[in-house]
Protein backbone atom coordinates (compact mmCIF):
# COMPACT_ATOMS: atom_id res chain seq x y z
CA MET A 1 -1.73 -5.05 10.62
CA LEU A 2 1.28 -4.40 8.68
CA TYR A 3 3.28 -6.98 7.08
CA LEU A 4 6.98 -7.76 6.12
CA ILE A 5 7.93 -9.73 3.34
CA HIS A 6 10.66 -12.14 4.39
CA SER A 7 10.64 -13.69 1.01
CA GLY A 8 8.52 -13.68 -2.07
CA THR A 9 6.78 -11.53 -4.47
CA VAL A 10 3.56 -9.72 -3.77
CA SER A 11 1.24 -8.02 -5.91
CA ILE A 12 -0.42 -4.52 -4.77
CA ARG A 13 -3.65 -3.86 -6.66
CA THR A 14 -6.44 -1.47 -6.56
CA ARG A 15 -10.06 -2.37 -5.76
CA HIS A 16 -10.99 -2.96 -9.52
CA GLY A 17 -7.61 -4.95 -10.21
CA LEU A 18 -4.93 -2.69 -11.41
CA GLU A 19 -1.54 -3.63 -10.27
CA VAL A 20 -0.04 -0.52 -8.83
CA GLY A 21 3.08 -2.30 -7.28
CA VAL A 22 5.25 -5.30 -7.02
CA LEU A 23 7.00 -5.87 -3.27
CA ASN A 24 9.93 -8.10 -2.66
CA ASP A 25 11.73 -9.31 0.32
CA GLY A 26 12.26 -6.58 3.07
CA GLU A 27 9.31 -4.48 1.96
CA ILE A 28 6.40 -3.57 3.85
CA PHE A 29 2.51 -3.40 3.11
CA GLY A 30 -0.50 -2.64 5.15
CA GLU A 31 0.77 0.66 6.50
CA VAL A 32 -0.85 3.51 4.24
CA GLY A 33 -4.46 3.05 5.75
CA ARG A 34 -3.25 2.87 9.03
CA VAL A 35 -1.00 6.00 8.91
CA ILE A 36 -3.92 8.10 7.02
CA GLY A 37 -6.49 6.62 9.27
CA SER A 38 -8.56 5.20 6.28
CA PRO A 39 -9.98 1.79 5.48
CA ARG A 40 -7.61 -0.31 3.14
CA THR A 41 -6.76 1.23 -0.11
CA VAL A 42 -5.37 -1.57 -1.90
CA THR A 43 -5.30 -5.44 -1.90
CA ALA A 44 -2.24 -7.56 -1.77
CA LYS A 45 -1.82 -10.69 -3.30
CA ALA A 46 1.04 -13.31 -3.41
CA LYS A 47 2.57 -13.66 -6.72
CA THR A 48 5.05 -16.38 -5.57
CA ASN A 49 5.36 -18.43 -2.54
CA CYS A 50 5.87 -16.09 0.35
CA THR A 51 6.92 -15.94 3.74
CA VAL A 52 5.31 -12.99 5.32
CA TYR A 53 5.56 -11.81 8.98
CA GLU A 54 2.74 -9.72 10.91
CA ILE A 55 3.90 -6.62 12.33
CA ASP A 56 1.62 -5.44 15.10
CA TRP A 57 0.40 -1.87 14.59
CA SER A 58 0.87 -0.66 18.21
CA ASN A 59 4.75 -1.62 17.70
CA LEU A 60 5.00 0.92 14.85
CA GLN A 61 2.56 3.27 16.69
CA THR A 62 5.19 3.29 19.68
CA LYS A 63 7.91 4.21 17.18
CA LEU A 64 5.95 6.83 15.72
CA ASP A 65 5.15 8.37 19.17
CA GLY A 66 8.95 8.63 19.81
CA ALA A 67 9.68 9.91 16.44
CA ASP A 68 10.54 13.46 15.61
CA ALA A 69 7.34 15.20 14.56
CA VAL A 70 8.83 16.52 11.18
CA LEU A 71 9.64 12.70 10.23
CA VAL A 72 6.02 11.69 11.31
CA ALA A 73 4.53 14.63 9.18
CA ILE A 74 6.73 13.20 6.08
CA ILE A 75 5.63 9.65 6.42
CA ARG A 76 1.90 10.92 6.67
CA GLY A 77 2.53 13.19 3.73
CA LEU A 78 4.06 10.47 1.73
CA SER A 79 1.20 7.89 2.65
CA LEU A 80 -1.48 10.56 1.55
CA ARG A 81 0.35 10.78 -1.87
CA ILE A 82 0.60 7.02 -2.31
CA GLY A 83 -3.10 6.62 -1.79
CA ASP A 84 -3.89 9.68 -3.98
CA ALA A 85 -1.70 8.15 -6.76
CA ASN A 86 -3.32 4.67 -6.47
CA GLU A 87 -6.79 6.29 -6.88
CA LEU A 88 -5.65 8.48 -9.74
CA ALA A 89 -4.07 5.49 -11.46
CA GLU A 90 -7.21 3.53 -11.04
CA LYS A 91 -9.36 6.32 -12.37
CA TYR A 92 -7.25 6.61 -15.57
CA TRP A 93 -7.06 2.85 -15.91
CA ARG A 94 -11.02 2.48 -15.77
CA ASP A 95 -11.31 5.54 -18.16
CA LEU A 96 -9.08 3.82 -20.70
CA SER A 97 -10.91 0.49 -20.38
CA ILE A 98 -14.13 2.31 -21.09
CA TYR A 99 -12.72 4.03 -24.05
CA LYS A 100 -11.26 0.73 -25.45
CA SER A 101 -14.73 -1.01 -25.03
CA LEU A 102 -16.03 1.49 -27.41
CA GLU A 103 -13.69 0.43 -30.17
């Protein structure tokens, strides 16, 4: 599923709790894993009271199927970069935490 934030604020966190994003009204989440065909890469948690709408993946897939191949490639490329950036940020965060624990 994809999710559209109608109102409120949602925190996006890596598996180990590093906040890599804060989303607000009109933004979506849940798309990256589906676009790149991998399991969920982050966790979303409401920071405030939220109204969130579910968007069925098949609706988006229908739109992607009808889109220009270049646009689909751009979306896929950006999704891959987001996933890679989240993993790299978490790696640096874990490394920093290890170094801080040695002080």
